[in-house]
PDB file of N, CA and C in Angstrom:
ATOM      1  N   MET A   1      43.008   4.210  21.682  1.00  0.00           N
ATOM      2  CA  MET A   1      43.631   3.053  22.302  1.00  0.00           C
ATOM      3  C   MET A   1      42.739   1.833  22.095  1.00  0.00           C
ATOM      4  N   LYS A   2      43.355   0.716  21.732  1.00  0.00           N
ATOM      5  CA  LYS A   2      42.594  -0.501  21.462  1.00  0.00           C
ATOM      6  C   LYS A   2      42.189  -1.164  22.771  1.00  0.00           C
ATOM      7  N   LYS A   3      41.027  -1.767  22.736  1.00  0.00           N
ATOM      8  CA  LYS A   3      40.575  -2.545  23.875  1.00  0.00           C
ATOM      9  C   LYS A   3      41.287  -3.894  23.856  1.00  0.00           C
ATOM     10  N   LEU A   4      41.347  -4.501  24.996  1.00  0.00           N
ATOM     11  CA  LEU A   4      42.015  -5.795  25.110  1.00  0.00           C
ATOM     12  C   LEU A   4      41.402  -6.825  24.165  1.00  0.00           C
ATOM     13  N   SER A   5      40.115  -6.762  23.968  1.00  0.00           N
ATOM     14  CA  SER A   5      39.456  -7.723  23.084  1.00  0.00           C
ATOM     15  C   SER A   5      39.824  -7.516  21.618  1.00  0.00           C
ATOM     16  N   GLN A   6      40.349  -6.337  21.266  1.00  0.00           N
ATOM     17  CA  GLN A   6      40.719  -6.049  19.885  1.00  0.00           C
ATOM     18  C   GLN A   6      42.170  -6.406  19.565  1.00  0.00           C
ATOM     19  N   LEU A   7      42.979  -6.636  20.591  1.00  0.00           N
ATOM     20  CA  LEU A   7      44.389  -6.980  20.363  1.00  0.00           C
ATOM     21  C   LEU A   7      44.513  -8.413  19.872  1.00  0.00           C
ATOM     22  N   ASN A   8      45.338  -8.596  18.878  1.00  0.00           N
ATOM     23  CA  ASN A   8      45.607  -9.936  18.379  1.00  0.00           C
ATOM     24  C   ASN A   8      46.967 -10.354  18.919  1.00  0.00           C
ATOM     25  N   LEU A   9      46.957 -11.027  20.054  1.00  0.00           N
ATOM     26  CA  LEU A   9      48.195 -11.370  20.743  1.00  0.00           C
ATOM     27  C   LEU A   9      49.014 -12.427  20.010  1.00  0.00           C
ATOM     28  N   PHE A  10      48.380 -13.165  19.142  1.00  0.00           N
ATOM     29  CA  PHE A  10      49.069 -14.282  18.503  1.00  0.00           C
ATOM     30  C   PHE A  10      49.285 -14.069  17.014  1.00  0.00           C
ATOM     31  N   ARG A  11      49.286 -12.849  16.554  1.00  0.00           N
ATOM     32  CA  ARG A  11      49.414 -12.602  15.118  1.00  0.00           C
ATOM     33  C   ARG A  11      50.799 -12.986  14.578  1.00  0.00           C
ATOM     34  N   ALA A  12      51.810 -13.017  15.440  1.00  0.00           N
ATOM     35  CA  ALA A  12      53.138 -13.433  14.981  1.00  0.00           C
ATOM     36  C   ALA A  12      53.139 -14.881  14.503  1.00  0.00           C
ATOM     37  N   PHE A  13      52.241 -15.697  15.070  1.00  0.00           N
ATOM     38  CA  PHE A  13      52.176 -17.100  14.677  1.00  0.00           C
ATOM     39  C   PHE A  13      51.576 -17.288  13.293  1.00  0.00           C
ATOM     40  N   ALA A  14      51.088 -16.241  12.674  1.00  0.00           N
ATOM     41  CA  ALA A  14      50.598 -16.326  11.298  1.00  0.00           C
ATOM     42  C   ALA A  14      51.756 -16.507  10.319  1.00  0.00           C
ATOM     43  N   SER A  15      52.940 -16.099  10.745  1.00  0.00           N
ATOM     44  CA  SER A  15      54.132 -16.284   9.922  1.00  0.00           C
ATOM     45  C   SER A  15      54.642 -17.709  10.103  1.00  0.00           C
ATOM     46  N   ARG A  16      54.728 -18.444   9.009  1.00  0.00           N
ATOM     47  CA  ARG A  16      55.187 -19.833   9.068  1.00  0.00           C
ATOM     48  C   ARG A  16      56.595 -19.924   9.636  1.00  0.00           C
ATOM     49  N   ASN A  17      57.488 -19.019   9.224  1.00  0.00           N
ATOM     50  CA  ASN A  17      58.864 -19.045   9.718  1.00  0.00           C
ATOM     51  C   ASN A  17      58.922 -18.834  11.223  1.00  0.00           C
ATOM     52  N   TYR A  18      58.138 -17.889  11.716  1.00  0.00           N
ATOM     53  CA  TYR A  18      58.140 -17.646  13.163  1.00  0.00           C
ATOM     54  C   TYR A  18      57.561 -18.839  13.910  1.00  0.00           C
ATOM     55  N   LEU A  19      56.507 -19.425  13.372  1.00  0.00           N
ATOM     56  CA  LEU A  19      55.907 -20.588  14.013  1.00  0.00           C
ATOM     57  C   LEU A  19      56.912 -21.735  14.102  1.00  0.00           C
ATOM     58  N   LEU A  20      57.635 -21.987  13.012  1.00  0.00           N
ATOM     59  CA  LEU A  20      58.657 -23.039  13.027  1.00  0.00           C
ATOM     60  C   LEU A  20      59.771 -22.715  14.019  1.00  0.00           C
ATOM     61  N   TYR A  21      60.210 -21.464  14.039  1.00  0.00           N
ATOM     62  CA  TYR A  21      61.245 -21.046  14.985  1.00  0.00           C
ATOM     63  C   TYR A  21      60.749 -21.242  16.414  1.00  0.00           C
ATOM     64  N   PHE A  22      59.543 -20.784  16.698  1.00  0.00           N
ATOM     65  CA  PHE A  22      58.995 -20.856  18.045  1.00  0.00           C
ATOM     66  C   PHE A  22      58.878 -22.301  18.512  1.00  0.00           C
ATOM     67  N   MET A  23      58.350 -23.157  17.673  1.00  0.00           N
ATOM     68  CA  MET A  23      58.175 -24.559  18.043  1.00  0.00           C
ATOM     69  C   MET A  23      59.524 -25.255  18.244  1.00  0.00           C
ATOM     70  N   GLY A  24      60.465 -24.991  17.349  1.00  0.00           N
ATOM     71  CA  GLY A  24      61.792 -25.579  17.495  1.00  0.00           C
ATOM     72  C   GLY A  24      62.491 -25.101  18.745  1.00  0.00           C
ATOM     73  N   ARG A  25      62.354 -23.824  19.011  1.00  0.00           N
ATOM     74  CA  ARG A  25      62.985 -23.253  20.214  1.00  0.00           C
ATOM     75  C   ARG A  25      62.331 -23.789  21.478  1.00  0.00           C
ATOM     76  N   ALA A  26      61.006 -23.982  21.444  1.00  0.00           N
ATOM     77  CA  ALA A  26      60.309 -24.521  22.606  1.00  0.00           C
ATOM     78  C   ALA A  26      60.770 -25.950  22.904  1.00  0.00           C
ATOM     79  N   VAL A  27      60.896 -26.765  21.875  1.00  0.00           N
ATOM     80  CA  VAL A  27      61.370 -28.140  22.068  1.00  0.00           C
ATOM     81  C   VAL A  27      62.802 -28.130  22.587  1.00  0.00           C
ATOM     82  N   SER A  28      63.643 -27.286  22.013  1.00  0.00           N
ATOM     83  CA  SER A  28      65.034 -27.196  22.444  1.00  0.00           C
ATOM     84  C   SER A  28      65.138 -26.741  23.901  1.00  0.00           C
ATOM     85  N   GLN A  29      64.368 -25.750  24.273  1.00  0.00           N
ATOM     86  CA  GLN A  29      64.412 -25.240  25.647  1.00  0.00           C
ATOM     87  C   GLN A  29      63.917 -26.281  26.640  1.00  0.00           C
ATOM     88  N   PHE A  30      62.864 -26.998  26.273  1.00  0.00           N
ATOM     89  CA  PHE A  30      62.356 -28.058  27.144  1.00  0.00           C
ATOM     90  C   PHE A  30      63.413 -29.141  27.340  1.00  0.00           C
ATOM     91  N   GLY A  31      64.096 -29.512  26.257  1.00  0.00           N
ATOM     92  CA  GLY A  31      65.174 -30.494  26.356  1.00  0.00           C
ATOM     93  C   GLY A  31      66.314 -30.000  27.229  1.00  0.00           C
ATOM     94  N   THR A  32      66.625 -28.722  27.127  1.00  0.00           N
ATOM     95  CA  THR A  32      67.684 -28.134  27.959  1.00  0.00           C
ATOM     96  C   THR A  32      67.313 -28.216  29.433  1.00  0.00           C
ATOM     97  N   TRP A  33      66.086 -27.878  29.765  1.00  0.00           N
ATOM     98  CA  TRP A  33      65.651 -27.957  31.166  1.00  0.00           C
ATOM     99  C   TRP A  33      65.713 -29.391  31.682  1.00  0.00           C
ATOM    100  N   MET A  34      65.266 -30.336  30.864  1.00  0.00           N
ATOM    101  CA  MET A  34      65.316 -31.740  31.281  1.00  0.00           C
ATOM    102  C   MET A  34      66.758 -32.191  31.480  1.00  0.00           C
ATOM    103  N   GLN A  35      67.637 -31.789  30.566  1.00  0.00           N
ATOM    104  CA  GLN A  35      69.027 -32.212  30.660  1.00  0.00           C
ATOM    105  C   GLN A  35      69.695 -31.623  31.889  1.00  0.00           C
ATOM    106  N   ARG A  36      69.481 -30.354  32.153  1.00  0.00           N
ATOM    107  CA  ARG A  36      70.086 -29.746  33.341  1.00  0.00           C
ATOM    108  C   ARG A  36      69.610 -30.427  34.615  1.00  0.00           C
ATOM    109  N   THR A  37      68.329 -30.708  34.684  1.00  0.00           N
ATOM    110  CA  THR A  37      67.795 -31.393  35.858  1.00  0.00           C
ATOM    111  C   THR A  37      68.390 -32.792  35.981  1.00  0.00           C
ATOM    112  N   ALA A  38      68.472 -33.516  34.874  1.00  0.00           N
ATOM    113  CA  ALA A  38      69.001 -34.880  34.897  1.00  0.00           C
ATOM    114  C   ALA A  38      70.475 -34.906  35.277  1.00  0.00           C
ATOM    115  N   VAL A  39      71.266 -33.984  34.753  1.00  0.00           N
ATOM    116  CA  VAL A  39      72.695 -33.958  35.063  1.00  0.00           C
ATOM    117  C   VAL A  39      72.910 -33.721  36.550  1.00  0.00           C
ATOM    118  N   VAL A  40      72.212 -32.760  37.105  1.00  0.00           N
ATOM    119  CA  VAL A  40      72.349 -32.473  38.533  1.00  0.00           C
ATOM    120  C   VAL A  40      71.896 -33.675  39.356  1.00  0.00           C
ATOM    121  N   TRP A  41      70.799 -34.286  38.954  1.00  0.00           N
ATOM    122  CA  TRP A  41      70.282 -35.445  39.681  1.00  0.00           C
ATOM    123  C   TRP A  41      71.274 -36.611  39.623  1.00  0.00           C
ATOM    124  N   VAL A  42      71.836 -36.878  38.448  1.00  0.00           N
ATOM    125  CA  VAL A  42      72.778 -37.997  38.305  1.00  0.00           C
ATOM    126  C   VAL A  42      74.028 -37.763  39.148  1.00  0.00           C
ATOM    127  N   VAL A  43      74.580 -36.559  39.085  1.00  0.00           N
ATOM    128  CA  VAL A  43      75.795 -36.272  39.867  1.00  0.00           C
ATOM    129  C   VAL A  43      75.508 -36.402  41.355  1.00  0.00           C
ATOM    130  N   TYR A  44      74.382 -35.857  41.798  1.00  0.00           N
ATOM    131  CA  TYR A  44      74.081 -35.941  43.225  1.00  0.00           C
ATOM    132  C   TYR A  44      73.787 -37.373  43.655  1.00  0.00           C
ATOM    133  N   SER A  45      73.104 -38.140  42.822  1.00  0.00           N
ATOM    134  CA  SER A  45      72.805 -39.524  43.194  1.00  0.00           C
ATOM    135  C   SER A  45      74.069 -40.388  43.192  1.00  0.00           C
ATOM    136  N   MET A  46      75.064 -40.007  42.382  1.00  0.00           N
ATOM    137  CA  MET A  46      76.324 -40.753  42.368  1.00  0.00           C
ATOM    138  C   MET A  46      77.210 -40.406  43.562  1.00  0.00           C
ATOM    139  N   THR A  47      77.199 -39.145  43.964  1.00  0.00           N
ATOM    140  CA  THR A  47      78.180 -38.685  44.961  1.00  0.00           C
ATOM    141  C   THR A  47      77.581 -38.287  46.304  1.00  0.00           C
ATOM    142  N   HIS A  48      76.332 -37.855  46.322  1.00  0.00           N
ATOM    143  CA  HIS A  48      75.691 -37.293  47.521  1.00  0.00           C
ATOM    144  C   HIS A  48      76.519 -36.148  48.108  1.00  0.00           C
ATOM    145  N   SER A  49      77.190 -35.428  47.230  1.00  0.00           N
ATOM    146  CA  SER A  49      78.060 -34.329  47.647  1.00  0.00           C
ATOM    147  C   SER A  49      77.470 -32.986  47.227  1.00  0.00           C
ATOM    148  N   PRO A  50      77.140 -32.137  48.199  1.00  0.00           N
ATOM    149  CA  PRO A  50      76.667 -30.795  47.844  1.00  0.00           C
ATOM    150  C   PRO A  50      77.740 -29.987  47.107  1.00  0.00           C
ATOM    151  N   LEU A  51      79.011 -30.236  47.417  1.00  0.00           N
ATOM    152  CA  LEU A  51      80.099 -29.529  46.738  1.00  0.00           C
ATOM    153  C   LEU A  51      80.117 -29.871  45.249  1.00  0.00           C
ATOM    154  N   LEU A  52      80.054 -31.149  44.914  1.00  0.00           N
ATOM    155  CA  LEU A  52      80.055 -31.545  43.509  1.00  0.00           C
ATOM    156  C   LEU A  52      78.774 -31.116  42.800  1.00  0.00           C
ATOM    157  N   LEU A  53      77.696 -31.018  43.540  1.00  0.00           N
ATOM    158  CA  LEU A  53      76.457 -30.494  42.969  1.00  0.00           C
ATOM    159  C   LEU A  53      76.660 -29.039  42.555  1.00  0.00           C
ATOM    160  N   GLY A  54      77.294 -28.251  43.411  1.00  0.00           N
ATOM    161  CA  GLY A  54      77.596 -26.860  43.079  1.00  0.00           C
ATOM    162  C   GLY A  54      78.581 -26.741  41.936  1.00  0.00           C
ATOM    163  N   VAL A  55      79.582 -27.610  41.909  1.00  0.00           N
ATOM    164  CA  VAL A  55      80.561 -27.599  40.818  1.00  0.00           C
ATOM    165  C   VAL A  55      79.873 -27.932  39.496  1.00  0.00           C
ATOM    166  N   THR A  56      78.917 -28.842  39.525  1.00  0.00           N
ATOM    167  CA  THR A  56      78.185 -29.210  38.319  1.00  0.00           C
ATOM    168  C   THR A  56      77.384 -28.028  37.779  1.00  0.00           C
ATOM    169  N   VAL A  57      76.679 -27.338  38.648  1.00  0.00           N
ATOM    170  CA  VAL A  57      75.910 -26.166  38.212  1.00  0.00           C
ATOM    171  C   VAL A  57      76.849 -25.090  37.689  1.00  0.00           C
ATOM    172  N   PHE A  58      77.981 -24.912  38.367  1.00  0.00           N
ATOM    173  CA  PHE A  58      78.985 -23.948  37.915  1.00  0.00           C
ATOM    174  C   PHE A  58      79.507 -24.329  36.534  1.00  0.00           C
ATOM    175  N   ALA A  59      79.792 -25.611  36.324  1.00  0.00           N
ATOM    176  CA  ALA A  59      80.320 -26.080  35.038  1.00  0.00           C
ATOM    177  C   ALA A  59      79.317 -25.883  33.916  1.00  0.00           C
ATOM    178  N   GLU A  60      78.032 -25.930  34.240  1.00  0.00           N
ATOM    179  CA  GLU A  60      76.997 -25.725  33.218  1.00  0.00           C
ATOM    180  C   GLU A  60      76.843 -24.268  32.837  1.00  0.00           C
ATOM    181  N   GLN A  61      77.092 -23.354  33.775  1.00  0.00           N
ATOM    182  CA  GLN A  61      76.755 -21.958  33.540  1.00  0.00           C
ATOM    183  C   GLN A  61      77.953 -21.042  33.291  1.00  0.00           C
ATOM    184  N   PHE A  62      79.083 -21.314  33.868  1.00  0.00           N
ATOM    185  CA  PHE A  62      80.205 -20.382  33.768  1.00  0.00           C
ATOM    186  C   PHE A  62      80.730 -20.198  32.343  1.00  0.00           C
ATOM    187  N   PRO A  63      80.843 -21.250  31.529  1.00  0.00           N
ATOM    188  CA  PRO A  63      81.308 -21.020  30.155  1.00  0.00           C
ATOM    189  C   PRO A  63      80.408 -20.065  29.362  1.00  0.00           C
ATOM    190  N   SER A  64      79.122 -20.089  29.633  1.00  0.00           N
ATOM    191  CA  SER A  64      78.225 -19.147  28.955  1.00  0.00           C
ATOM    192  C   SER A  64      78.572 -17.714  29.324  1.00  0.00           C
ATOM    193  N   PHE A  65      78.940 -17.500  30.567  1.00  0.00           N
ATOM    194  CA  PHE A  65      79.341 -16.170  31.018  1.00  0.00           C
ATOM    195  C   PHE A  65      80.613 -15.714  30.300  1.00  0.00           C
ATOM    196  N   ILE A  66      81.570 -16.609  30.186  1.00  0.00           N
ATOM    197  CA  ILE A  66      82.847 -16.252  29.552  1.00  0.00           C
ATOM    198  C   ILE A  66      82.680 -16.013  28.054  1.00  0.00           C
ATOM    199  N   PHE A  67      81.902 -16.867  27.396  1.00  0.00           N
ATOM    200  CA  PHE A  67      81.810 -16.812  25.937  1.00  0.00           C
ATOM    201  C   PHE A  67      80.610 -16.033  25.410  1.00  0.00           C
ATOM    202  N   SER A  68      79.921 -15.303  26.260  1.00  0.00           N
ATOM    203  CA  SER A  68      78.761 -14.554  25.782  1.00  0.00           C
ATOM    204  C   SER A  68      79.165 -13.418  24.841  1.00  0.00           C
ATOM    205  N   ILE A  69      80.247 -12.741  25.126  1.00  0.00           N
ATOM    206  CA  ILE A  69      80.688 -11.647  24.246  1.00  0.00           C
ATOM    207  C   ILE A  69      81.185 -12.185  22.900  1.00  0.00           C
ATOM    208  N   PRO A  70      82.079 -13.190  22.874  1.00  0.00           N
ATOM    209  CA  PRO A  70      82.451 -13.743  21.567  1.00  0.00           C
ATOM    210  C   PRO A  70      81.255 -14.341  20.813  1.00  0.00           C
ATOM    211  N   GLY A  71      80.292 -14.897  21.546  1.00  0.00           N
ATOM    212  CA  GLY A  71      79.098 -15.425  20.891  1.00  0.00           C
ATOM    213  C   GLY A  71      78.266 -14.324  20.257  1.00  0.00           C
ATOM    214  N   GLY A  72      78.195 -13.183  20.921  1.00  0.00           N
ATOM    215  CA  GLY A  72      77.483 -12.036  20.347  1.00  0.00           C
ATOM    216  C   GLY A  72      78.170 -11.515  19.104  1.00  0.00           C
ATOM    217  N   VAL A  73      79.489 -11.489  19.137  1.00  0.00           N
ATOM    218  CA  VAL A  73      80.246 -11.059  17.959  1.00  0.00           C
ATOM    219  C   VAL A  73      79.999 -12.029  16.801  1.00  0.00           C
ATOM    220  N   ALA A  74      80.019 -13.323  17.091  1.00  0.00           N
ATOM    221  CA  ALA A  74      79.769 -14.319  16.039  1.00  0.00           C
ATOM    222  C   ALA A  74      78.356 -14.171  15.481  1.00  0.00           C
ATOM    223  N   ALA A  75      77.390 -13.890  16.354  1.00  0.00           N
ATOM    224  CA  ALA A  75      76.009 -13.716  15.884  1.00  0.00           C
ATOM    225  C   ALA A  75      75.872 -12.494  14.984  1.00  0.00           C
ATOM    226  N   ASP A  76      76.687 -11.471  15.229  1.00  0.00           N
ATOM    227  CA  ASP A  76      76.636 -10.274  14.396  1.00  0.00           C
ATOM    228  C   ASP A  76      77.356 -10.452  13.066  1.00  0.00           C
ATOM    229  N   ARG A  77      78.402 -11.267  13.043  1.00  0.00           N
ATOM    230  CA  ARG A  77      79.244 -11.379  11.848  1.00  0.00           C
ATOM    231  C   ARG A  77      78.869 -12.508  10.904  1.00  0.00           C
ATOM    232  N   TYR A  78      78.256 -13.554  11.425  1.00  0.00           N
ATOM    233  CA  TYR A  78      78.012 -14.740  10.612  1.00  0.00           C
ATOM    234  C   TYR A  78      76.514 -14.993  10.460  1.00  0.00           C
ATOM    235  N   ASN A  79      76.185 -15.859   9.557  1.00  0.00           N
ATOM    236  CA  ASN A  79      74.799 -16.220   9.285  1.00  0.00           C
ATOM    237  C   ASN A  79      74.193 -16.889  10.517  1.00  0.00           C
ATOM    238  N   ARG A  80      73.158 -16.290  11.064  1.00  0.00           N
ATOM    239  CA  ARG A  80      72.557 -16.802  12.298  1.00  0.00           C
ATOM    240  C   ARG A  80      71.939 -18.174  12.099  1.00  0.00           C
ATOM    241  N   TYR A  81      71.361 -18.392  10.942  1.00  0.00           N
ATOM    242  CA  TYR A  81      70.764 -19.695  10.659  1.00  0.00           C
ATOM    243  C   TYR A  81      71.818 -20.796  10.729  1.00  0.00           C
ATOM    244  N   THR A  82      72.958 -20.535  10.132  1.00  0.00           N
ATOM    245  CA  THR A  82      74.054 -21.513  10.160  1.00  0.00           C
ATOM    246  C   THR A  82      74.563 -21.715  11.581  1.00  0.00           C
ATOM    247  N   LEU A  83      74.716 -20.633  12.341  1.00  0.00           N
ATOM    248  CA  LEU A  83      75.168 -20.737  13.727  1.00  0.00           C
ATOM    249  C   LEU A  83      74.190 -21.549  14.567  1.00  0.00           C
ATOM    250  N   ILE A  84      72.904 -21.336  14.374  1.00  0.00           N
ATOM    251  CA  ILE A  84      71.909 -22.090  15.136  1.00  0.00           C
ATOM    252  C   ILE A  84      71.983 -23.568  14.782  1.00  0.00           C
ATOM    253  N   LYS A  85      72.132 -23.876  13.497  1.00  0.00           N
ATOM    254  CA  LYS A  85      72.246 -25.280  13.094  1.00  0.00           C
ATOM    255  C   LYS A  85      73.480 -25.922  13.723  1.00  0.00           C
ATOM    256  N   ILE A  86      74.600 -25.214  13.722  1.00  0.00           N
ATOM    257  CA  ILE A  86      75.835 -25.758  14.286  1.00  0.00           C
ATOM    258  C   ILE A  86      75.690 -25.983  15.788  1.00  0.00           C
ATOM    259  N   THR A  87      75.185 -24.987  16.490  1.00  0.00           N
ATOM    260  CA  THR A  87      75.075 -25.120  17.942  1.00  0.00           C
ATOM    261  C   THR A  87      74.048 -26.180  18.335  1.00  0.00           C
ATOM    262  N   GLN A  88      72.960 -26.295  17.590  1.00  0.00           N
ATOM    263  CA  GLN A  88      71.980 -27.331  17.904  1.00  0.00           C
ATOM    264  C   GLN A  88      72.552 -28.722  17.639  1.00  0.00           C
ATOM    265  N   PHE A  89      73.336 -28.856  16.572  1.00  0.00           N
ATOM    266  CA  PHE A  89      73.974 -30.144  16.294  1.00  0.00           C
ATOM    267  C   PHE A  89      74.967 -30.498  17.396  1.00  0.00           C
ATOM    268  N   MET A  90      75.762 -29.518  17.833  1.00  0.00           N
ATOM    269  CA  MET A  90      76.720 -29.767  18.913  1.00  0.00           C
ATOM    270  C   MET A  90      76.003 -30.140  20.210  1.00  0.00           C
ATOM    271  N   SER A  91      74.883 -29.503  20.491  1.00  0.00           N
ATOM    272  CA  SER A  91      74.104 -29.843  21.679  1.00  0.00           C
ATOM    273  C   SER A  91      73.552 -31.259  21.591  1.00  0.00           C
ATOM    274  N   MET A  92      73.134 -31.655  20.391  1.00  0.00           N
ATOM    275  CA  MET A  92      72.624 -33.005  20.205  1.00  0.00           C
ATOM    276  C   MET A  92      73.731 -34.033  20.445  1.00  0.00           C
ATOM    277  N   VAL A  93      74.924 -33.784  19.916  1.00  0.00           N
ATOM    278  CA  VAL A  93      76.049 -34.706  20.108  1.00  0.00           C
ATOM    279  C   VAL A  93      76.361 -34.847  21.588  1.00  0.00           C
ATOM    280  N   GLN A  94      76.394 -33.735  22.292  1.00  0.00           N
ATOM    281  CA  GLN A  94      76.686 -33.762  23.728  1.00  0.00           C
ATOM    282  C   GLN A  94      75.619 -34.540  24.485  1.00  0.00           C
ATOM    283  N   ALA A  95      74.353 -34.325  24.158  1.00  0.00           N
ATOM    284  CA  ALA A  95      73.270 -35.017  24.848  1.00  0.00           C
ATOM    285  C   ALA A  95      73.324 -36.524  24.586  1.00  0.00           C
ATOM    286  N   VAL A  96      73.638 -36.904  23.351  1.00  0.00           N
ATOM    287  CA  VAL A  96      73.739 -38.328  23.028  1.00  0.00           C
ATOM    288  C   VAL A  96      74.915 -38.960  23.778  1.00  0.00           C
ATOM    289  N   LEU A  97      76.052 -38.288  23.819  1.00  0.00           N
ATOM    290  CA  LEU A  97      77.203 -38.813  24.563  1.00  0.00           C
ATOM    291  C   LEU A  97      76.877 -38.975  26.041  1.00  0.00           C
ATOM    292  N   LEU A  98      76.234 -37.996  26.597  1.00  0.00           N
ATOM    293  CA  LEU A  98      75.848 -38.062  28.006  1.00  0.00           C
ATOM    294  C   LEU A  98      74.874 -39.202  28.252  1.00  0.00           C
ATOM    295  N   ALA A  99      73.893 -39.362  27.379  1.00  0.00           N
ATOM    296  CA  ALA A  99      72.923 -40.449  27.528  1.00  0.00           C
ATOM    297  C   ALA A  99      73.591 -41.816  27.413  1.00  0.00           C
ATOM    298  N   VAL A 100      74.502 -41.954  26.455  1.00  0.00           N
ATOM    299  CA  VAL A 100      75.200 -43.232  26.282  1.00  0.00           C
ATOM    300  C   VAL A 100      76.025 -43.565  27.527  1.00  0.00           C
ATOM    301  N   LEU A 101      76.704 -42.570  28.080  1.00  0.00           N
ATOM    302  CA  LEU A 101      77.489 -42.812  29.300  1.00  0.00           C
ATOM    303  C   LEU A 101      76.605 -43.272  30.452  1.00  0.00           C
ATOM    304  N   VAL A 102      75.484 -42.619  30.640  1.00  0.00           N
ATOM    305  CA  VAL A 102      74.605 -42.962  31.757  1.00  0.00           C
ATOM    306  C   VAL A 102      73.922 -44.305  31.527  1.00  0.00           C
ATOM    307  N   ILE A 103      73.424 -44.544  30.314  1.00  0.00           N
ATOM    308  CA  ILE A 103      72.704 -45.794  30.035  1.00  0.00           C
ATOM    309  C   ILE A 103      73.623 -47.010  30.136  1.00  0.00           C
ATOM    310  N   THR A 104      74.856 -46.862  29.668  1.00  0.00           N
ATOM    311  CA  THR A 104      75.786 -47.995  29.719  1.00  0.00           C
ATOM    312  C   THR A 104      76.443 -48.168  31.083  1.00  0.00           C
ATOM    313  N   GLY A 105      76.218 -47.236  31.983  1.00  0.00           N
ATOM    314  CA  GLY A 105      76.793 -47.346  33.322  1.00  0.00           C
ATOM    315  C   GLY A 105      78.237 -46.901  33.403  1.00  0.00           C
ATOM    316  N   HIS A 106      78.735 -46.219  32.397  1.00  0.00           N
ATOM    317  CA  HIS A 106      80.122 -45.755  32.388  1.00  0.00           C
ATOM    318  C   HIS A 106      80.262 -44.289  32.790  1.00  0.00           C
ATOM    319  N   ALA A 107      79.219 -43.742  33.357  1.00  0.00           N
ATOM    320  CA  ALA A 107      79.259 -42.324  33.721  1.00  0.00           C
ATOM    321  C   ALA A 107      80.176 -42.120  34.924  1.00  0.00           C
ATOM    322  N   ALA A 108      81.075 -41.201  34.771  1.00  0.00           N
ATOM    323  CA  ALA A 108      81.938 -40.764  35.863  1.00  0.00           C
ATOM    324  C   ALA A 108      81.696 -39.269  36.038  1.00  0.00           C
ATOM    325  N   VAL A 109      81.886 -38.803  37.249  1.00  0.00           N
ATOM    326  CA  VAL A 109      81.613 -37.400  37.534  1.00  0.00           C
ATOM    327  C   VAL A 109      82.463 -36.501  36.645  1.00  0.00           C
ATOM    328  N   TRP A 110      83.720 -36.850  36.441  1.00  0.00           N
ATOM    329  CA  TRP A 110      84.586 -35.997  35.619  1.00  0.00           C
ATOM    330  C   TRP A 110      84.082 -35.924  34.181  1.00  0.00           C
ATOM    331  N   ALA A 111      83.560 -37.047  33.659  1.00  0.00           N
ATOM    332  CA  ALA A 111      83.037 -37.050  32.281  1.00  0.00           C
ATOM    333  C   ALA A 111      81.767 -36.209  32.183  1.00  0.00           C
ATOM    334  N   ILE A 112      80.917 -36.305  33.185  1.00  0.00           N
ATOM    335  CA  ILE A 112      79.690 -35.504  33.189  1.00  0.00           C
ATOM    336  C   ILE A 112      80.038 -34.023  33.270  1.00  0.00           C
ATOM    337  N   LEU A 113      80.994 -33.676  34.116  1.00  0.00           N
ATOM    338  CA  LEU A 113      81.413 -32.274  34.225  1.00  0.00           C
ATOM    339  C   LEU A 113      82.022 -31.774  32.924  1.00  0.00           C
ATOM    340  N   LEU A 114      82.835 -32.604  32.300  1.00  0.00           N
ATOM    341  CA  LEU A 114      83.453 -32.220  31.030  1.00  0.00           C
ATOM    342  C   LEU A 114      82.380 -31.997  29.954  1.00  0.00           C
ATOM    343  N   LEU A 115      81.412 -32.882  29.877  1.00  0.00           N
ATOM    344  CA  LEU A 115      80.332 -32.713  28.900  1.00  0.00           C
ATOM    345  C   LEU A 115      79.451 -31.513  29.242  1.00  0.00           C
ATOM    346  N   SER A 116      79.305 -31.215  30.530  1.00  0.00           N
ATOM    347  CA  SER A 116      78.528 -30.028  30.920  1.00  0.00           C
ATOM    348  C   SER A 116      79.223 -28.753  30.483  1.00  0.00           C
ATOM    349  N   VAL A 117      80.547 -28.721  30.618  1.00  0.00           N
ATOM    350  CA  VAL A 117      81.296 -27.546  30.153  1.00  0.00           C
ATOM    351  C   VAL A 117      81.209 -27.447  28.638  1.00  0.00           C
ATOM    352  N   TYR A 118      81.355 -28.563  27.947  1.00  0.00           N
ATOM    353  CA  TYR A 118      81.264 -28.575  26.491  1.00  0.00           C
ATOM    354  C   TYR A 118      79.897 -28.071  26.031  1.00  0.00           C
ATOM    355  N   TRP A 119      78.836 -28.526  26.728  1.00  0.00           N
ATOM    356  CA  TRP A 119      77.482 -28.142  26.356  1.00  0.00           C
ATOM    357  C   TRP A 119      77.269 -26.634  26.541  1.00  0.00           C
ATOM    358  N   ALA A 120      77.868 -26.082  27.559  1.00  0.00           N
ATOM    359  CA  ALA A 120      77.667 -24.659  27.855  1.00  0.00           C
ATOM    360  C   ALA A 120      78.407 -23.761  26.876  1.00  0.00           C
ATOM    361  N   LEU A 121      79.364 -24.316  26.149  1.00  0.00           N
ATOM    362  CA  LEU A 121      80.097 -23.477  25.193  1.00  0.00           C
ATOM    363  C   LEU A 121      79.162 -23.142  24.068  1.00  0.00           C
TER     364      LEU A 121
END
């Protein structure tokens, strides 16, 4: 059995492809966390409604529950690299639309909820 000092915990990062994947995924995940926090904050600051806050969280998460099985089938049948590029592009479009709505002051709760559902797909 190897001692803890002999284990190379970071040997996967020696692969350039894995390093690029890891870094890209880390940036994407950080952006997702920021966006989820911002969406909830914006909806609550606009409405001060705990009900709409719950509806917003539901709108962000429920589509993932419904489409997880078809998403798994798509991941098995199609090129994963292409699927990741498509989904990341769609996420970028959604984030830009959401930012434009908030920055220009045209954000409405229904539009934020609609974009949250779109993002979760």
